[in-house]
């Protein structure tokens, strides 16, 4: 039996990842192109003897305090599939396994056409948090706050990476404040909003930064402004965004990574 059949995955999001297999453009911020991976060869249990994707980790990642060293570094002895000091190396998807040749963690969803870490700091799961702040507009439509990302101009939920030792609830509030309020907000004015969050999703993200050895996972919470708390708050795009606006959930606006799926979950939660 192939080693890939030993992935102990618990499916959370049923799909074959797409955005991290795009071969039409180079990997973000590089001139490196992914190997084309057909849908029927994404899963690791499908034999592909000649699969040899390029190995790429952006130079900006090396030596950063938020990043792992190379797997070959003899001082690097992580506690995989566990909380490793202040770093959460547990996947929401499964107990991940490792490439027998390189000893690198293996993306549990399948091949992406690129080895290494790309722009991601951690080998294995890289944890994020995505707050969906929503409201009912004056004309009766459910809508949510979105930012336009500076790196690729796509519209997205204003989220970000969970810092080492940080609780997800702190990340959710911090990221919304930084990305949608430009860091300027009287925290007490939104205490009621943050006190009533509902989890919509916890799992893998089809993110264009993903590789065979490093991938994004997230926790998505909905904070619904049912009392008009944001009416007198000046929403402003932060440093990582070029614009900010409210978007109707039925607008079919193309969104970054798996964010369209998260908005579908938001619609379902508010249709009950």
C-alpha atoms as a PDB file:
ATOM      1  CA  UNK A   1       0.000   0.000   0.000  1.00  0.00           C
ATOM      2  CA  UNK A   2       1.273   3.512  -0.831  1.00  0.00           C
ATOM      3  CA  UNK A   3       2.306   5.699   2.107  1.00  0.00           C
ATOM      4  CA  UNK A   4      -0.197   8.306   0.889  1.00  0.00           C
ATOM      5  CA  UNK A   5      -3.068   5.931   1.777  1.00  0.00           C
ATOM      6  CA  UNK A   6      -2.165   6.418   5.422  1.00  0.00           C
ATOM      7  CA  UNK A   7      -3.402  10.034   5.490  1.00  0.00           C
ATOM      8  CA  UNK A   8      -5.916   9.990   8.346  1.00  0.00           C
ATOM      9  CA  UNK A   9      -8.094  12.722   6.891  1.00  0.00           C
ATOM     10  CA  UNK A  10     -11.427  13.857   8.203  1.00  0.00           C
ATOM     11  CA  UNK A  11     -13.028  15.739   5.279  1.00  0.00           C
ATOM     12  CA  UNK A  12     -14.340  19.152   6.278  1.00  0.00           C
ATOM     13  CA  UNK A  13     -14.622  20.864   2.930  1.00  0.00           C
ATOM     14  CA  UNK A  14     -15.392  18.512   0.042  1.00  0.00           C
ATOM     15  CA  UNK A  15     -13.549  19.804  -3.018  1.00  0.00           C
ATOM     16  CA  UNK A  16     -10.479  19.435  -5.201  1.00  0.00           C
ATOM     17  CA  UNK A  17      -8.385  22.552  -4.626  1.00  0.00           C
ATOM     18  CA  UNK A  18      -8.101  24.799  -7.686  1.00  0.00           C
ATOM     19  CA  UNK A  19      -6.580  28.178  -6.855  1.00  0.00           C
ATOM     20  CA  UNK A  20      -3.312  26.645  -5.680  1.00  0.00           C
ATOM     21  CA  UNK A  21      -2.909  24.771  -8.991  1.00  0.00           C
ATOM     22  CA  UNK A  22      -3.028  27.761 -11.324  1.00  0.00           C
ATOM     23  CA  UNK A  23      -0.357  27.325 -14.021  1.00  0.00           C
ATOM     24  CA  UNK A  24      -1.363  30.359 -16.110  1.00  0.00           C
ATOM     25  CA  UNK A  25       0.573  32.803 -13.932  1.00  0.00           C
ATOM     26  CA  UNK A  26       3.755  32.426 -11.851  1.00  0.00           C
ATOM     27  CA  UNK A  27       3.571  31.881  -8.118  1.00  0.00           C
ATOM     28  CA  UNK A  28       2.946  35.149  -6.261  1.00  0.00           C
ATOM     29  CA  UNK A  29       5.954  37.474  -6.351  1.00  0.00           C
ATOM     30  CA  UNK A  30       8.115  35.081  -8.361  1.00  0.00           C
ATOM     31  CA  UNK A  31       8.888  33.787 -11.831  1.00  0.00           C
ATOM     32  CA  UNK A  32       8.291  30.188 -10.776  1.00  0.00           C
ATOM     33  CA  UNK A  33       5.502  28.265 -12.483  1.00  0.00           C
ATOM     34  CA  UNK A  34       3.746  25.267 -10.985  1.00  0.00           C
ATOM     35  CA  UNK A  35       3.707  21.841 -12.596  1.00  0.00           C
ATOM     36  CA  UNK A  36       0.277  21.250 -14.108  1.00  0.00           C
ATOM     37  CA  UNK A  37      -1.675  18.794 -11.952  1.00  0.00           C
ATOM     38  CA  UNK A  38      -4.786  17.261 -13.587  1.00  0.00           C
ATOM     39  CA  UNK A  39      -7.842  16.808 -11.377  1.00  0.00           C
ATOM     40  CA  UNK A  40      -7.504  13.032 -11.469  1.00  0.00           C
ATOM     41  CA  UNK A  41      -3.928  13.165 -10.153  1.00  0.00           C
ATOM     42  CA  UNK A  42      -4.405  15.621  -7.290  1.00  0.00           C
ATOM     43  CA  UNK A  43      -4.830  12.933  -4.628  1.00  0.00           C
ATOM     44  CA  UNK A  44      -1.595  11.444  -3.327  1.00  0.00           C
ATOM     45  CA  UNK A  45      -2.919   7.894  -3.607  1.00  0.00           C
ATOM     46  CA  UNK A  46      -2.938   8.238  -7.389  1.00  0.00           C
ATOM     47  CA  UNK A  47       0.395   6.964  -8.731  1.00  0.00           C
ATOM     48  CA  UNK A  48       2.484   9.555 -10.570  1.00  0.00           C
ATOM     49  CA  UNK A  49       6.046   8.271 -10.734  1.00  0.00           C
ATOM     50  CA  UNK A  50       7.345  11.244 -12.761  1.00  0.00           C
ATOM     51  CA  UNK A  51       5.849  13.952 -10.528  1.00  0.00           C
ATOM     52  CA  UNK A  52       8.718  16.386  -9.830  1.00  0.00           C
ATOM     53  CA  UNK A  53       7.394  19.881  -9.027  1.00  0.00           C
ATOM     54  CA  UNK A  54       9.762  22.853  -8.664  1.00  0.00           C
ATOM     55  CA  UNK A  55      10.858  23.554  -5.106  1.00  0.00           C
ATOM     56  CA  UNK A  56      10.384  27.197  -4.103  1.00  0.00           C
ATOM     57  CA  UNK A  57      10.495  29.162  -0.860  1.00  0.00           C
ATOM     58  CA  UNK A  58      10.523  32.938  -1.192  1.00  0.00           C
ATOM     59  CA  UNK A  59      13.699  34.627   0.080  1.00  0.00           C
ATOM     60  CA  UNK A  60      11.538  36.949   2.189  1.00  0.00           C
ATOM     61  CA  UNK A  61      10.576  33.965   4.347  1.00  0.00           C
ATOM     62  CA  UNK A  62      14.110  32.955   5.319  1.00  0.00           C
ATOM     63  CA  UNK A  63      15.227  34.105   8.749  1.00  0.00           C
ATOM     64  CA  UNK A  64      11.905  35.699   9.719  1.00  0.00           C
ATOM     65  CA  UNK A  65      10.827  35.320  13.379  1.00  0.00           C
ATOM     66  CA  UNK A  66       7.401  34.075  12.215  1.00  0.00           C
ATOM     67  CA  UNK A  67       8.901  31.428   9.912  1.00  0.00           C
ATOM     68  CA  UNK A  68      10.352  27.955  10.333  1.00  0.00           C
ATOM     69  CA  UNK A  69      13.914  27.144   9.295  1.00  0.00           C
ATOM     70  CA  UNK A  70      14.584  24.639   6.548  1.00  0.00           C
ATOM     71  CA  UNK A  71      13.705  21.019   7.247  1.00  0.00           C
ATOM     72  CA  UNK A  72      17.404  20.156   6.859  1.00  0.00           C
ATOM     73  CA  UNK A  73      18.387  22.465   9.742  1.00  0.00           C
ATOM     74  CA  UNK A  74      19.650  20.104  12.475  1.00  0.00           C
ATOM     75  CA  UNK A  75      18.449  22.507  15.185  1.00  0.00           C
ATOM     76  CA  UNK A  76      14.892  22.335  13.859  1.00  0.00           C
ATOM     77  CA  UNK A  77      13.028  19.618  15.786  1.00  0.00           C
ATOM     78  CA  UNK A  78       9.327  20.517  15.622  1.00  0.00           C
ATOM     79  CA  UNK A  79       6.594  18.613  17.405  1.00  0.00           C
ATOM     80  CA  UNK A  80       4.435  17.776  14.384  1.00  0.00           C
ATOM     81  CA  UNK A  81       0.652  17.294  14.593  1.00  0.00           C
ATOM     82  CA  UNK A  82       0.682  18.976  18.002  1.00  0.00           C
ATOM     83  CA  UNK A  83       0.864  22.335  19.743  1.00  0.00           C
ATOM     84  CA  UNK A  84       4.610  22.955  19.562  1.00  0.00           C
ATOM     85  CA  UNK A  85       5.333  25.504  22.289  1.00  0.00           C
ATOM     86  CA  UNK A  86       3.430  28.592  21.103  1.00  0.00           C
ATOM     87  CA  UNK A  87       3.058  27.287  17.529  1.00  0.00           C
ATOM     88  CA  UNK A  88      -0.020  25.288  16.585  1.00  0.00           C
ATOM     89  CA  UNK A  89       1.070  22.537  14.179  1.00  0.00           C
ATOM     90  CA  UNK A  90      -2.240  20.666  14.414  1.00  0.00           C
ATOM     91  CA  UNK A  91      -4.264  20.467  11.209  1.00  0.00           C
ATOM     92  CA  UNK A  92      -8.023  20.931  11.318  1.00  0.00           C
ATOM     93  CA  UNK A  93      -8.265  18.466   8.427  1.00  0.00           C
ATOM     94  CA  UNK A  94      -6.311  15.422   9.537  1.00  0.00           C
ATOM     95  CA  UNK A  95      -3.194  13.991  11.061  1.00  0.00           C
ATOM     96  CA  UNK A  96      -0.893  14.795   8.172  1.00  0.00           C
ATOM     97  CA  UNK A  97       1.975  12.607   7.029  1.00  0.00           C
ATOM     98  CA  UNK A  98       5.381  13.249   5.460  1.00  0.00           C
ATOM     99  CA  UNK A  99       7.270  12.820   2.220  1.00  0.00           C
ATOM    100  CA  UNK A 100       9.580   9.826   2.819  1.00  0.00           C
ATOM    101  CA  UNK A 101      12.395  11.455   0.793  1.00  0.00           C
ATOM    102  CA  UNK A 102      12.385  15.029   2.065  1.00  0.00           C
ATOM    103  CA  UNK A 103      10.637  14.476   5.439  1.00  0.00           C
ATOM    104  CA  UNK A 104       8.452  17.514   4.677  1.00  0.00           C
ATOM    105  CA  UNK A 105       4.769  17.549   5.725  1.00  0.00           C
ATOM    106  CA  UNK A 106       2.382  16.646   2.917  1.00  0.00           C
ATOM    107  CA  UNK A 107      -0.615  18.786   1.914  1.00  0.00           C
ATOM    108  CA  UNK A 108      -3.601  16.622   2.978  1.00  0.00           C
ATOM    109  CA  UNK A 109      -5.810  17.749   0.080  1.00  0.00           C
ATOM    110  CA  UNK A 110      -3.273  16.708  -2.547  1.00  0.00           C
ATOM    111  CA  UNK A 111      -0.690  17.863  -5.072  1.00  0.00           C
ATOM    112  CA  UNK A 112      -0.380  21.564  -5.916  1.00  0.00           C
ATOM    113  CA  UNK A 113       2.409  21.461  -8.508  1.00  0.00           C
ATOM    114  CA  UNK A 114       4.887  23.229  -6.216  1.00  0.00           C
ATOM    115  CA  UNK A 115       7.100  21.970  -3.379  1.00  0.00           C
ATOM    116  CA  UNK A 116       8.655  24.054  -0.610  1.00  0.00           C
ATOM    117  CA  UNK A 117       6.835  26.765   1.350  1.00  0.00           C
ATOM    118  CA  UNK A 118       6.363  29.520  -1.199  1.00  0.00           C
ATOM    119  CA  UNK A 119       5.373  32.608   0.800  1.00  0.00           C
ATOM    120  CA  UNK A 120       4.183  30.665   3.850  1.00  0.00           C
ATOM    121  CA  UNK A 121       6.179  30.678   7.046  1.00  0.00           C
ATOM    122  CA  UNK A 122       5.366  27.293   8.512  1.00  0.00           C
ATOM    123  CA  UNK A 123       5.889  23.824   7.172  1.00  0.00           C
ATOM    124  CA  UNK A 124       2.513  22.086   7.290  1.00  0.00           C
ATOM    125  CA  UNK A 125      -0.557  24.050   8.394  1.00  0.00           C
ATOM    126  CA  UNK A 126      -0.398  27.848   8.569  1.00  0.00           C
ATOM    127  CA  UNK A 127      -3.284  29.057  10.705  1.00  0.00           C
ATOM    128  CA  UNK A 128      -5.371  32.136   9.957  1.00  0.00           C
ATOM    129  CA  UNK A 129      -8.588  33.682  11.235  1.00  0.00           C
ATOM    130  CA  UNK A 130     -11.252  35.353   9.084  1.00  0.00           C
ATOM    131  CA  UNK A 131     -13.934  37.583  10.634  1.00  0.00           C
ATOM    132  CA  UNK A 132     -17.029  38.086   8.485  1.00  0.00           C
ATOM    133  CA  UNK A 133     -18.700  41.252   9.741  1.00  0.00           C
ATOM    134  CA  UNK A 134     -22.216  41.467   8.329  1.00  0.00           C
ATOM    135  CA  UNK A 135     -25.356  43.573   8.540  1.00  0.00           C
ATOM    136  CA  UNK A 136     -28.747  44.053   6.905  1.00  0.00           C
ATOM    137  CA  UNK A 137     -28.621  47.107   4.644  1.00  0.00           C
ATOM    138  CA  UNK A 138     -31.253  49.839   4.698  1.00  0.00           C
ATOM    139  CA  UNK A 139     -32.895  48.206   1.666  1.00  0.00           C
ATOM    140  CA  UNK A 140     -33.041  44.803   3.372  1.00  0.00           C
ATOM    141  CA  UNK A 141     -30.046  42.956   1.888  1.00  0.00           C
ATOM    142  CA  UNK A 142     -27.521  40.887   3.812  1.00  0.00           C
ATOM    143  CA  UNK A 143     -24.032  42.276   3.179  1.00  0.00           C
ATOM    144  CA  UNK A 144     -20.511  41.921   4.534  1.00  0.00           C
ATOM    145  CA  UNK A 145     -17.324  43.991   4.850  1.00  0.00           C
ATOM    146  CA  UNK A 146     -14.698  43.189   2.206  1.00  0.00           C
ATOM    147  CA  UNK A 147     -11.259  44.571   1.458  1.00  0.00           C
ATOM    148  CA  UNK A 148      -9.377  44.654  -1.823  1.00  0.00           C
ATOM    149  CA  UNK A 149      -6.042  42.917  -1.269  1.00  0.00           C
ATOM    150  CA  UNK A 150      -2.958  44.916  -2.201  1.00  0.00           C
ATOM    151  CA  UNK A 151      -0.999  41.874  -3.444  1.00  0.00           C
ATOM    152  CA  UNK A 152      -3.429  40.725  -6.165  1.00  0.00           C
ATOM    153  CA  UNK A 153      -6.350  43.227  -6.152  1.00  0.00           C
ATOM    154  CA  UNK A 154      -8.884  40.508  -5.329  1.00  0.00           C
ATOM    155  CA  UNK A 155     -11.732  41.196  -2.905  1.00  0.00           C
ATOM    156  CA  UNK A 156     -11.534  39.260   0.340  1.00  0.00           C
ATOM    157  CA  UNK A 157     -12.721  38.894   3.904  1.00  0.00           C
ATOM    158  CA  UNK A 158     -10.400  40.983   6.137  1.00  0.00           C
ATOM    159  CA  UNK A 159      -8.477  38.231   7.931  1.00  0.00           C
ATOM    160  CA  UNK A 160      -4.911  37.237   8.635  1.00  0.00           C
ATOM    161  CA  UNK A 161      -2.432  34.942  10.332  1.00  0.00           C
ATOM    162  CA  UNK A 162      -2.732  33.798  13.930  1.00  0.00           C
ATOM    163  CA  UNK A 163       0.392  34.950  15.779  1.00  0.00           C
ATOM    164  CA  UNK A 164       2.330  32.437  17.877  1.00  0.00           C
ATOM    165  CA  UNK A 165       0.628  32.107  21.257  1.00  0.00           C
ATOM    166  CA  UNK A 166      -2.354  34.208  20.168  1.00  0.00           C
ATOM    167  CA  UNK A 167      -5.935  33.050  20.730  1.00  0.00           C
ATOM    168  CA  UNK A 168      -8.098  32.985  17.608  1.00  0.00           C
ATOM    169  CA  UNK A 169     -10.577  35.433  19.159  1.00  0.00           C
ATOM    170  CA  UNK A 170      -7.763  37.974  19.509  1.00  0.00           C
ATOM    171  CA  UNK A 171      -6.705  37.432  15.892  1.00  0.00           C
ATOM    172  CA  UNK A 172     -10.233  37.987  14.588  1.00  0.00           C
ATOM    173  CA  UNK A 173     -10.603  41.335  16.333  1.00  0.00           C
ATOM    174  CA  UNK A 174      -7.050  42.454  15.570  1.00  0.00           C
ATOM    175  CA  UNK A 175      -7.252  41.631  11.879  1.00  0.00           C
ATOM    176  CA  UNK A 176     -10.572  43.409  11.381  1.00  0.00           C
ATOM    177  CA  UNK A 177      -9.282  46.464  13.226  1.00  0.00           C
ATOM    178  CA  UNK A 178      -6.043  46.534  11.217  1.00  0.00           C
ATOM    179  CA  UNK A 179      -7.487  45.758   7.795  1.00  0.00           C
ATOM    180  CA  UNK A 180     -10.933  47.370   7.885  1.00  0.00           C
ATOM    181  CA  UNK A 181     -10.501  50.201  10.388  1.00  0.00           C
ATOM    182  CA  UNK A 182      -6.892  51.153   9.635  1.00  0.00           C
ATOM    183  CA  UNK A 183      -6.068  50.356  13.272  1.00  0.00           C
ATOM    184  CA  UNK A 184      -8.165  53.236  14.598  1.00  0.00           C
ATOM    185  CA  UNK A 185     -11.124  52.227  16.717  1.00  0.00           C
ATOM    186  CA  UNK A 186     -12.545  52.688  20.182  1.00  0.00           C
ATOM    187  CA  UNK A 187     -12.649  49.021  21.210  1.00  0.00           C
ATOM    188  CA  UNK A 188     -15.404  49.574  23.747  1.00  0.00           C
ATOM    189  CA  UNK A 189     -17.757  50.765  21.003  1.00  0.00           C
ATOM    190  CA  UNK A 190     -17.683  47.311  19.354  1.00  0.00           C
ATOM    191  CA  UNK A 191     -17.576  45.151  22.480  1.00  0.00           C
ATOM    192  CA  UNK A 192     -21.147  44.018  21.828  1.00  0.00           C
ATOM    193  CA  UNK A 193     -20.309  43.013  18.252  1.00  0.00           C
ATOM    194  CA  UNK A 194     -17.335  40.856  19.244  1.00  0.00           C
ATOM    195  CA  UNK A 195     -19.247  39.206  22.079  1.00  0.00           C
ATOM    196  CA  UNK A 196     -21.622  37.337  19.789  1.00  0.00           C
ATOM    197  CA  UNK A 197     -19.554  35.610  17.115  1.00  0.00           C
ATOM    198  CA  UNK A 198     -20.715  32.389  15.460  1.00  0.00           C
ATOM    199  CA  UNK A 199     -18.263  29.930  13.954  1.00  0.00           C
ATOM    200  CA  UNK A 200     -19.025  29.143  10.297  1.00  0.00           C
ATOM    201  CA  UNK A 201     -16.001  27.097   9.256  1.00  0.00           C
ATOM    202  CA  UNK A 202     -12.795  25.507  10.514  1.00  0.00           C
ATOM    203  CA  UNK A 203     -10.501  23.837   7.992  1.00  0.00           C
ATOM    204  CA  UNK A 204      -8.433  23.968   4.810  1.00  0.00           C
ATOM    205  CA  UNK A 205      -8.315  27.014   2.525  1.00  0.00           C
ATOM    206  CA  UNK A 206      -7.796  26.775  -1.244  1.00  0.00           C
ATOM    207  CA  UNK A 207      -5.227  29.566  -1.141  1.00  0.00           C
ATOM    208  CA  UNK A 208      -2.921  30.503  -4.065  1.00  0.00           C
ATOM    209  CA  UNK A 209       0.033  30.473  -1.641  1.00  0.00           C
ATOM    210  CA  UNK A 210      -0.393  26.774  -0.823  1.00  0.00           C
ATOM    211  CA  UNK A 211       2.250  24.252  -1.798  1.00  0.00           C
ATOM    212  CA  UNK A 212       2.738  20.516  -1.424  1.00  0.00           C
ATOM    213  CA  UNK A 213       4.424  21.114   1.935  1.00  0.00           C
ATOM    214  CA  UNK A 214       2.748  24.212   3.388  1.00  0.00           C
ATOM    215  CA  UNK A 215      -0.902  25.189   3.314  1.00  0.00           C
ATOM    216  CA  UNK A 216      -3.442  27.602   4.772  1.00  0.00           C
ATOM    217  CA  UNK A 217      -6.135  26.667   7.272  1.00  0.00           C
ATOM    218  CA  UNK A 218      -8.555  29.028   8.936  1.00  0.00           C
ATOM    219  CA  UNK A 219     -11.330  29.581  11.431  1.00  0.00           C
ATOM    220  CA  UNK A 220     -14.187  31.730  10.098  1.00  0.00           C
ATOM    221  CA  UNK A 221     -16.497  33.580  12.493  1.00  0.00           C
ATOM    222  CA  UNK A 222     -19.506  35.714  11.665  1.00  0.00           C
ATOM    223  CA  UNK A 223     -20.055  38.869  13.713  1.00  0.00           C
ATOM    224  CA  UNK A 224     -23.462  40.235  12.729  1.00  0.00           C
ATOM    225  CA  UNK A 225     -24.198  43.884  13.460  1.00  0.00           C
ATOM    226  CA  UNK A 226     -27.891  43.651  14.256  1.00  0.00           C
ATOM    227  CA  UNK A 227     -27.942  46.876  16.293  1.00  0.00           C
ATOM    228  CA  UNK A 228     -26.279  49.317  13.891  1.00  0.00           C
ATOM    229  CA  UNK A 229     -23.043  49.533  15.882  1.00  0.00           C
ATOM    230  CA  UNK A 230     -21.023  50.236  12.723  1.00  0.00           C
ATOM    231  CA  UNK A 231     -23.194  53.073  11.430  1.00  0.00           C
ATOM    232  CA  UNK A 232     -21.026  55.691  13.118  1.00  0.00           C
ATOM    233  CA  UNK A 233     -17.718  53.857  12.642  1.00  0.00           C
ATOM    234  CA  UNK A 234     -15.390  55.104   9.928  1.00  0.00           C
ATOM    235  CA  UNK A 235     -14.349  51.980   8.051  1.00  0.00           C
ATOM    236  CA  UNK A 236     -11.005  52.463   6.299  1.00  0.00           C
ATOM    237  CA  UNK A 237      -8.772  50.068   4.384  1.00  0.00           C
ATOM    238  CA  UNK A 238      -5.570  49.234   6.275  1.00  0.00           C
ATOM    239  CA  UNK A 239      -2.028  48.927   4.923  1.00  0.00           C
ATOM    240  CA  UNK A 240      -2.635  45.489   3.364  1.00  0.00           C
ATOM    241  CA  UNK A 241      -5.637  46.709   1.366  1.00  0.00           C
ATOM    242  CA  UNK A 242      -6.285  49.237  -1.363  1.00  0.00           C
ATOM    243  CA  UNK A 243     -10.034  49.627  -0.836  1.00  0.00           C
ATOM    244  CA  UNK A 244     -12.917  48.591   1.415  1.00  0.00           C
ATOM    245  CA  UNK A 245     -16.651  48.289   0.884  1.00  0.00           C
ATOM    246  CA  UNK A 246     -19.806  46.467   1.897  1.00  0.00           C
ATOM    247  CA  UNK A 247     -20.721  43.701  -0.578  1.00  0.00           C
ATOM    248  CA  UNK A 248     -24.129  42.056  -0.897  1.00  0.00           C
ATOM    249  CA  UNK A 249     -23.974  38.292  -0.377  1.00  0.00           C
ATOM    250  CA  UNK A 250     -26.001  37.711  -3.552  1.00  0.00           C
ATOM    251  CA  UNK A 251     -23.728  39.882  -5.740  1.00  0.00           C
ATOM    252  CA  UNK A 252     -21.614  36.879  -6.919  1.00  0.00           C
ATOM    253  CA  UNK A 253     -18.512  39.064  -6.565  1.00  0.00           C
ATOM    254  CA  UNK A 254     -15.390  36.914  -7.265  1.00  0.00           C
ATOM    255  CA  UNK A 255     -13.485  36.535  -4.001  1.00  0.00           C
ATOM    256  CA  UNK A 256     -10.006  35.508  -2.916  1.00  0.00           C
ATOM    257  CA  UNK A 257      -9.113  31.868  -2.088  1.00  0.00           C
ATOM    258  CA  UNK A 258     -12.061  29.962  -0.519  1.00  0.00           C
ATOM    259  CA  UNK A 259     -13.871  33.126   0.554  1.00  0.00           C
ATOM    260  CA  UNK A 260     -16.825  32.611  -1.809  1.00  0.00           C
ATOM    261  CA  UNK A 261     -17.479  29.317  -0.043  1.00  0.00           C
ATOM    262  CA  UNK A 262     -17.416  31.100   3.328  1.00  0.00           C
ATOM    263  CA  UNK A 263     -19.956  33.643   2.081  1.00  0.00           C
ATOM    264  CA  UNK A 264     -22.202  30.775   1.003  1.00  0.00           C
ATOM    265  CA  UNK A 265     -22.003  29.539   4.583  1.00  0.00           C
ATOM    266  CA  UNK A 266     -22.920  33.033   5.777  1.00  0.00           C
ATOM    267  CA  UNK A 267     -25.979  33.073   3.539  1.00  0.00           C
ATOM    268  CA  UNK A 268     -27.079  29.680   4.816  1.00  0.00           C
ATOM    269  CA  UNK A 269     -26.616  30.752   8.449  1.00  0.00           C
ATOM    270  CA  UNK A 270     -28.856  33.803   7.953  1.00  0.00           C
ATOM    271  CA  UNK A 271     -31.521  32.000   5.941  1.00  0.00           C
ATOM    272  CA  UNK A 272     -32.494  29.774   8.864  1.00  0.00           C
END
